[in-house]
Amino acid sequence: MATSKFRAVQILGKQFRQTSIRHAIPFSTASKFLKNPVEVDIPTHTGQKWDEADFRLVRFENASKEVNTRFAIDLIAQVPPKEVKSRIVSCDGGGGPLGHPKVFINLDQPGNHACGYCGLRFLKADEHHH
């Protein structure tokens, strides 16, 4: 008697699992092209643009590709160069956890000198000794 009840529970459990699996996936797994590939593939700041047949475009079937059009190189170019009086200046990108390793920049040559990490520019002020 106990084995027949156990067997009935096994059969019902198996049928329940199959039914619940069928109902857990209500959507189709067939690939659908939801967006126009021209709209999806916007070039990034590095000029990255994928071919229409590239398999990596699959990740943008259900969502649009979000590209920040405010590239950092354009934003840092809007910051005017800092005029300093010393021949050597140090840059740490603002310091703290958001900065970068401290670098020293030689300003002996005329013109702007940019930091290799953050792109901030420095300029030695002209000193007239009379």
N, C-alpha and C. Protein backbone atom coordinates (compact mmCIF):
# COMPACT_ATOMS: atom_id res chain seq x y z
N MET A 1 0.82 -1.19 0.00
CA MET A 1 0.00 0.00 0.00
C MET A 1 0.87 1.26 0.00
N ALA A 2 1.90 1.27 0.86
CA ALA A 2 2.77 2.43 0.94
C ALA A 2 3.55 2.61 -0.36
N THR A 3 3.94 1.52 -1.00
CA THR A 3 4.68 1.65 -2.25
C THR A 3 3.80 2.17 -3.38
N SER A 4 2.52 1.82 -3.39
CA SER A 4 1.63 2.33 -4.44
C SER A 4 1.39 3.82 -4.26
N LYS A 5 1.29 4.29 -3.00
CA LYS A 5 1.13 5.73 -2.75
C LYS A 5 2.40 6.47 -3.17
N PHE A 6 3.54 5.88 -2.85
CA PHE A 6 4.81 6.49 -3.23
C PHE A 6 4.93 6.59 -4.74
N ARG A 7 4.52 5.52 -5.44
CA ARG A 7 4.57 5.50 -6.91
C ARG A 7 3.63 6.56 -7.49
N ALA A 8 2.46 6.71 -6.90
CA ALA A 8 1.50 7.72 -7.36
C ALA A 8 2.07 9.12 -7.20
N VAL A 9 2.75 9.37 -6.08
CA VAL A 9 3.38 10.67 -5.85
C VAL A 9 4.49 10.91 -6.87
N GLN A 10 5.27 9.88 -7.19
CA GLN A 10 6.32 10.02 -8.20
C GLN A 10 5.73 10.39 -9.55
N ILE A 11 4.67 9.71 -9.97
CA ILE A 11 4.05 9.97 -11.27
C ILE A 11 3.46 11.37 -11.31
N LEU A 12 2.73 11.75 -10.27
CA LEU A 12 2.14 13.10 -10.22
C LEU A 12 3.23 14.17 -10.20
N GLY A 13 4.30 13.93 -9.44
CA GLY A 13 5.40 14.88 -9.39
C GLY A 13 6.07 15.07 -10.74
N LYS A 14 6.24 13.98 -11.46
CA LYS A 14 6.86 14.04 -12.79
C LYS A 14 5.98 14.82 -13.75
N GLN A 15 4.66 14.56 -13.72
CA GLN A 15 3.74 15.28 -14.60
C GLN A 15 3.70 16.76 -14.23
N PHE A 16 3.73 17.06 -12.93
CA PHE A 16 3.70 18.45 -12.49
C PHE A 16 4.95 19.20 -12.95
N ARG A 17 6.12 18.57 -12.85
CA ARG A 17 7.36 19.21 -13.30
C ARG A 17 7.32 19.50 -14.79
N GLN A 18 6.83 18.55 -15.59
CA GLN A 18 6.75 18.76 -17.03
C GLN A 18 5.78 19.89 -17.36
N THR A 19 4.65 19.94 -16.66
CA THR A 19 3.66 20.98 -16.90
C THR A 19 4.23 22.34 -16.50
N SER A 20 4.88 22.41 -15.35
CA SER A 20 5.40 23.70 -14.89
C SER A 20 6.53 24.20 -15.78
N ILE A 21 7.32 23.30 -16.33
CA ILE A 21 8.39 23.72 -17.24
C ILE A 21 7.79 24.29 -18.52
N ARG A 22 6.74 23.64 -19.03
CA ARG A 22 6.10 24.13 -20.25
C ARG A 22 5.51 25.51 -20.04
N HIS A 23 4.97 25.77 -18.87
CA HIS A 23 4.31 27.05 -18.62
C HIS A 23 5.29 28.12 -18.13
N ALA A 24 6.47 27.73 -17.76
CA ALA A 24 7.45 28.71 -17.27
C ALA A 24 8.05 29.52 -18.39
N ILE A 25 8.01 29.01 -19.63
CA ILE A 25 8.59 29.72 -20.76
C ILE A 25 7.48 30.06 -21.75
N PRO A 26 6.75 31.16 -21.52
CA PRO A 26 5.62 31.49 -22.38
C PRO A 26 6.03 32.17 -23.69
N PHE A 27 7.28 32.59 -23.82
CA PHE A 27 7.68 33.31 -25.02
C PHE A 27 8.35 32.36 -26.01
N SER A 28 8.46 32.82 -27.23
CA SER A 28 9.09 32.03 -28.27
C SER A 28 10.60 32.20 -28.19
N THR A 29 11.33 31.14 -28.45
CA THR A 29 12.78 31.23 -28.45
C THR A 29 13.32 31.52 -29.85
N ALA A 30 12.42 31.66 -30.82
CA ALA A 30 12.85 32.00 -32.18
C ALA A 30 13.37 33.43 -32.18
N SER A 31 14.47 33.66 -32.91
CA SER A 31 15.04 35.00 -32.92
C SER A 31 14.15 35.93 -33.73
N LYS A 32 13.95 37.11 -33.19
CA LYS A 32 13.15 38.14 -33.85
C LYS A 32 14.02 39.37 -33.99
N PHE A 33 13.90 40.03 -35.09
CA PHE A 33 14.65 41.25 -35.29
C PHE A 33 13.73 42.40 -34.92
N LEU A 34 13.89 42.94 -33.72
CA LEU A 34 12.98 43.95 -33.22
C LEU A 34 13.35 45.36 -33.66
N LYS A 35 14.59 45.59 -33.95
CA LYS A 35 15.02 46.94 -34.30
C LYS A 35 15.75 46.93 -35.63
N ASN A 36 15.74 48.04 -36.26
CA ASN A 36 16.46 48.21 -37.51
C ASN A 36 17.96 48.21 -37.20
N PRO A 37 18.79 47.42 -37.91
CA PRO A 37 20.22 47.37 -37.58
C PRO A 37 20.92 48.71 -37.72
N VAL A 38 20.40 49.60 -38.55
CA VAL A 38 21.02 50.92 -38.71
C VAL A 38 20.84 51.72 -37.43
N GLU A 39 19.67 51.59 -36.77
CA GLU A 39 19.43 52.31 -35.53
C GLU A 39 20.24 51.72 -34.38
N VAL A 40 20.45 50.42 -34.39
CA VAL A 40 21.10 49.75 -33.29
C VAL A 40 22.59 50.02 -33.26
N ASP A 41 23.24 50.03 -34.40
CA ASP A 41 24.69 50.10 -34.44
C ASP A 41 25.20 51.53 -34.56
N ILE A 42 25.27 52.21 -33.44
CA ILE A 42 25.79 53.57 -33.36
C ILE A 42 27.28 53.47 -33.06
N PRO A 43 28.13 54.18 -33.79
CA PRO A 43 29.57 54.09 -33.50
C PRO A 43 29.91 54.67 -32.12
N THR A 44 30.87 54.04 -31.45
CA THR A 44 31.31 54.50 -30.14
C THR A 44 32.44 55.51 -30.29
N HIS A 45 33.01 55.95 -29.17
CA HIS A 45 34.09 56.94 -29.22
C HIS A 45 35.35 56.38 -29.89
N THR A 46 35.49 55.06 -29.94
CA THR A 46 36.65 54.46 -30.61
C THR A 46 36.35 54.15 -32.07
N GLY A 47 35.13 54.47 -32.51
CA GLY A 47 34.75 54.20 -33.89
C GLY A 47 34.26 52.78 -34.10
N GLN A 48 33.99 52.07 -33.01
CA GLN A 48 33.56 50.67 -33.10
C GLN A 48 32.17 50.61 -33.72
N LYS A 49 32.06 49.89 -34.82
CA LYS A 49 30.78 49.71 -35.49
C LYS A 49 30.79 48.31 -36.08
N TRP A 50 29.81 47.49 -35.72
CA TRP A 50 29.81 46.10 -36.13
C TRP A 50 29.07 45.90 -37.45
N ASP A 51 29.45 44.87 -38.16
CA ASP A 51 28.80 44.48 -39.40
C ASP A 51 27.40 43.95 -39.08
N GLU A 52 26.47 44.05 -40.05
CA GLU A 52 25.09 43.58 -39.82
C GLU A 52 25.04 42.09 -39.50
N ALA A 53 25.96 41.29 -40.01
CA ALA A 53 25.95 39.84 -39.80
C ALA A 53 26.74 39.43 -38.55
N ASP A 54 27.27 40.38 -37.81
CA ASP A 54 28.08 40.06 -36.63
C ASP A 54 27.21 39.46 -35.53
N PHE A 55 27.67 38.35 -34.95
CA PHE A 55 26.89 37.66 -33.92
C PHE A 55 26.76 38.48 -32.64
N ARG A 56 27.64 39.45 -32.42
CA ARG A 56 27.58 40.25 -31.19
C ARG A 56 26.38 41.18 -31.16
N LEU A 57 25.72 41.40 -32.30
CA LEU A 57 24.53 42.24 -32.32
C LEU A 57 23.33 41.57 -31.67
N VAL A 58 23.44 40.29 -31.35
CA VAL A 58 22.34 39.57 -30.70
C VAL A 58 21.98 40.22 -29.38
N ARG A 59 22.97 40.76 -28.68
CA ARG A 59 22.69 41.36 -27.37
C ARG A 59 21.82 42.61 -27.48
N PHE A 60 21.65 43.16 -28.67
CA PHE A 60 20.84 44.36 -28.85
C PHE A 60 19.51 44.07 -29.52
N GLU A 61 19.07 42.80 -29.55
CA GLU A 61 17.78 42.48 -30.15
C GLU A 61 16.63 42.98 -29.30
N ASN A 62 16.73 42.85 -27.99
CA ASN A 62 15.65 43.25 -27.10
C ASN A 62 15.88 44.59 -26.44
N ALA A 63 17.02 45.18 -26.65
CA ALA A 63 17.34 46.47 -26.05
C ALA A 63 18.17 47.27 -27.03
N SER A 64 18.09 48.56 -26.90
CA SER A 64 18.86 49.40 -27.81
C SER A 64 20.28 49.56 -27.29
N LYS A 65 21.20 49.81 -28.21
CA LYS A 65 22.60 50.03 -27.85
C LYS A 65 22.71 51.47 -27.35
N GLU A 66 23.18 51.62 -26.13
CA GLU A 66 23.29 52.95 -25.55
C GLU A 66 24.74 53.41 -25.64
N VAL A 67 24.95 54.50 -26.34
CA VAL A 67 26.28 55.06 -26.51
C VAL A 67 26.27 56.47 -25.95
N ASN A 68 27.21 56.76 -25.06
CA ASN A 68 27.34 58.10 -24.52
C ASN A 68 28.01 58.97 -25.58
N THR A 69 27.30 59.95 -26.05
CA THR A 69 27.85 60.81 -27.11
C THR A 69 28.75 61.91 -26.56
N ARG A 70 28.82 62.04 -25.25
CA ARG A 70 29.71 63.03 -24.65
C ARG A 70 31.03 62.35 -24.33
N PHE A 71 31.89 62.24 -25.32
CA PHE A 71 33.16 61.54 -25.17
C PHE A 71 34.09 62.35 -24.27
N ALA A 72 34.85 61.66 -23.43
CA ALA A 72 35.72 62.30 -22.45
C ALA A 72 36.78 63.17 -23.12
N ILE A 73 37.27 62.74 -24.27
CA ILE A 73 38.32 63.52 -24.94
C ILE A 73 37.80 64.89 -25.38
N ASP A 74 36.53 64.94 -25.76
CA ASP A 74 35.94 66.23 -26.15
C ASP A 74 35.70 67.11 -24.93
N LEU A 75 35.29 66.49 -23.82
CA LEU A 75 35.03 67.26 -22.60
C LEU A 75 36.32 67.83 -22.02
N ILE A 76 37.39 67.06 -22.01
CA ILE A 76 38.65 67.54 -21.44
C ILE A 76 39.28 68.61 -22.34
N ALA A 77 38.97 68.59 -23.63
CA ALA A 77 39.49 69.61 -24.54
C ALA A 77 38.86 70.97 -24.26
N GLN A 78 37.70 71.00 -23.63
CA GLN A 78 37.04 72.26 -23.31
C GLN A 78 37.64 72.93 -22.07
N VAL A 79 38.41 72.19 -21.28
CA VAL A 79 39.04 72.76 -20.08
C VAL A 79 40.28 73.53 -20.53
N PRO A 80 40.37 74.83 -20.18
CA PRO A 80 41.54 75.61 -20.60
C PRO A 80 42.79 75.15 -19.84
N PRO A 81 43.98 75.35 -20.44
CA PRO A 81 45.22 74.95 -19.76
C PRO A 81 45.47 75.80 -18.51
N LYS A 82 46.06 75.19 -17.48
CA LYS A 82 46.39 75.91 -16.25
C LYS A 82 47.73 76.60 -16.42
N GLU A 83 47.76 77.88 -16.10
CA GLU A 83 49.03 78.61 -16.14
C GLU A 83 49.71 78.47 -14.79
N VAL A 84 50.96 78.03 -14.82
CA VAL A 84 51.75 77.87 -13.59
C VAL A 84 53.08 78.60 -13.77
N LYS A 85 53.73 78.93 -12.65
CA LYS A 85 54.99 79.66 -12.72
C LYS A 85 56.20 78.74 -12.63
N SER A 86 56.03 77.55 -12.10
CA SER A 86 57.17 76.65 -11.92
C SER A 86 57.49 75.90 -13.21
N ARG A 87 58.72 75.38 -13.28
CA ARG A 87 59.16 74.63 -14.46
C ARG A 87 58.61 73.22 -14.48
N ILE A 88 58.34 72.67 -13.30
CA ILE A 88 57.83 71.30 -13.19
C ILE A 88 56.53 71.33 -12.40
N VAL A 89 55.53 70.65 -12.90
CA VAL A 89 54.23 70.59 -12.24
C VAL A 89 53.85 69.13 -12.04
N SER A 90 53.12 68.85 -10.96
CA SER A 90 52.66 67.47 -10.74
C SER A 90 51.15 67.41 -10.96
N CYS A 91 50.69 66.29 -11.48
CA CYS A 91 49.27 66.07 -11.71
C CYS A 91 48.90 64.72 -11.12
N ASP A 92 47.84 64.71 -10.30
CA ASP A 92 47.35 63.45 -9.74
C ASP A 92 45.88 63.22 -10.08
N GLY A 93 45.35 63.95 -11.03
CA GLY A 93 43.98 63.75 -11.49
C GLY A 93 42.93 64.12 -10.47
N GLY A 94 43.25 64.96 -9.53
CA GLY A 94 42.28 65.36 -8.52
C GLY A 94 42.51 64.69 -7.18
N GLY A 95 43.37 63.71 -7.13
CA GLY A 95 43.71 63.06 -5.88
C GLY A 95 42.64 62.13 -5.37
N GLY A 96 42.98 61.43 -4.32
CA GLY A 96 42.03 60.51 -3.71
C GLY A 96 41.77 59.28 -4.56
N PRO A 97 40.69 58.59 -4.27
CA PRO A 97 40.40 57.34 -4.99
C PRO A 97 39.98 57.56 -6.44
N LEU A 98 39.60 58.78 -6.80
CA LEU A 98 39.16 59.03 -8.17
C LEU A 98 40.27 59.56 -9.06
N GLY A 99 41.44 59.78 -8.51
CA GLY A 99 42.55 60.32 -9.28
C GLY A 99 43.35 59.25 -9.99
N HIS A 100 44.60 59.57 -10.29
CA HIS A 100 45.51 58.62 -10.93
C HIS A 100 46.88 58.77 -10.28
N PRO A 101 47.83 57.91 -10.60
CA PRO A 101 49.18 58.05 -10.01
C PRO A 101 49.77 59.42 -10.32
N LYS A 102 50.49 59.96 -9.37
CA LYS A 102 51.08 61.29 -9.55
C LYS A 102 52.17 61.24 -10.61
N VAL A 103 52.09 62.17 -11.55
CA VAL A 103 53.12 62.30 -12.58
C VAL A 103 53.66 63.72 -12.55
N PHE A 104 54.92 63.85 -12.92
CA PHE A 104 55.56 65.16 -12.97
C PHE A 104 55.77 65.54 -14.43
N ILE A 105 55.38 66.76 -14.77
CA ILE A 105 55.43 67.22 -16.17
C ILE A 105 56.42 68.38 -16.25
N ASN A 106 57.38 68.27 -17.15
CA ASN A 106 58.39 69.29 -17.38
C ASN A 106 57.82 70.32 -18.35
N LEU A 107 57.83 71.59 -17.95
CA LEU A 107 57.26 72.66 -18.77
C LEU A 107 58.32 73.55 -19.40
N ASP A 108 59.56 73.05 -19.54
CA ASP A 108 60.63 73.88 -20.10
C ASP A 108 60.35 74.26 -21.55
N GLN A 109 59.83 73.36 -22.33
CA GLN A 109 59.52 73.66 -23.74
C GLN A 109 58.27 74.55 -23.80
N PRO A 110 58.22 75.49 -24.74
CA PRO A 110 57.04 76.36 -24.83
C PRO A 110 55.80 75.58 -25.31
N GLY A 111 54.63 76.09 -24.93
CA GLY A 111 53.37 75.49 -25.38
C GLY A 111 52.67 74.70 -24.27
N ASN A 112 51.56 74.10 -24.64
CA ASN A 112 50.77 73.29 -23.71
C ASN A 112 51.43 71.93 -23.50
N HIS A 113 51.32 71.41 -22.29
CA HIS A 113 51.81 70.08 -21.96
C HIS A 113 50.67 69.34 -21.26
N ALA A 114 50.26 68.21 -21.82
CA ALA A 114 49.11 67.47 -21.29
C ALA A 114 49.56 66.32 -20.40
N CYS A 115 48.75 66.03 -19.41
CA CYS A 115 48.97 64.87 -18.55
C CYS A 115 48.62 63.62 -19.36
N GLY A 116 49.46 62.62 -19.26
CA GLY A 116 49.23 61.39 -20.01
C GLY A 116 48.05 60.57 -19.51
N TYR A 117 47.65 60.76 -18.26
CA TYR A 117 46.53 60.00 -17.69
C TYR A 117 45.18 60.67 -17.95
N CYS A 118 45.05 61.93 -17.52
CA CYS A 118 43.74 62.57 -17.55
C CYS A 118 43.59 63.60 -18.65
N GLY A 119 44.67 64.03 -19.27
CA GLY A 119 44.57 64.98 -20.37
C GLY A 119 44.54 66.43 -19.96
N LEU A 120 44.62 66.74 -18.66
CA LEU A 120 44.67 68.14 -18.24
C LEU A 120 45.93 68.78 -18.81
N ARG A 121 45.79 70.03 -19.24
CA ARG A 121 46.92 70.71 -19.87
C ARG A 121 47.49 71.77 -18.94
N PHE A 122 48.81 71.94 -19.03
CA PHE A 122 49.51 72.92 -18.21
C PHE A 122 50.37 73.78 -19.13
N LEU A 123 50.54 75.03 -18.72
CA LEU A 123 51.28 76.01 -19.51
C LEU A 123 52.13 76.84 -18.56
N LYS A 124 53.41 77.01 -18.90
CA LYS A 124 54.29 77.84 -18.06
C LYS A 124 54.04 79.30 -18.41
N ALA A 125 53.73 80.09 -17.39
CA ALA A 125 53.48 81.52 -17.59
C ALA A 125 54.78 82.21 -17.96
N ASP A 126 54.69 83.14 -18.89
CA ASP A 126 55.88 83.89 -19.30
C ASP A 126 56.26 84.86 -18.19
N GLU A 127 57.54 84.81 -17.83
CA GLU A 127 58.05 85.73 -16.81
C GLU A 127 59.02 86.69 -17.49
N HIS A 128 58.78 87.95 -17.31
CA HIS A 128 59.66 88.95 -17.89
C HIS A 128 60.51 89.55 -16.77
N HIS A 129 61.83 89.33 -16.86
CA HIS A 129 62.74 89.86 -15.85
C HIS A 129 63.41 91.10 -16.43
N HIS A 130 63.08 92.26 -15.90
CA HIS A 130 63.69 93.50 -16.37
C HIS A 130 64.38 94.20 -15.27
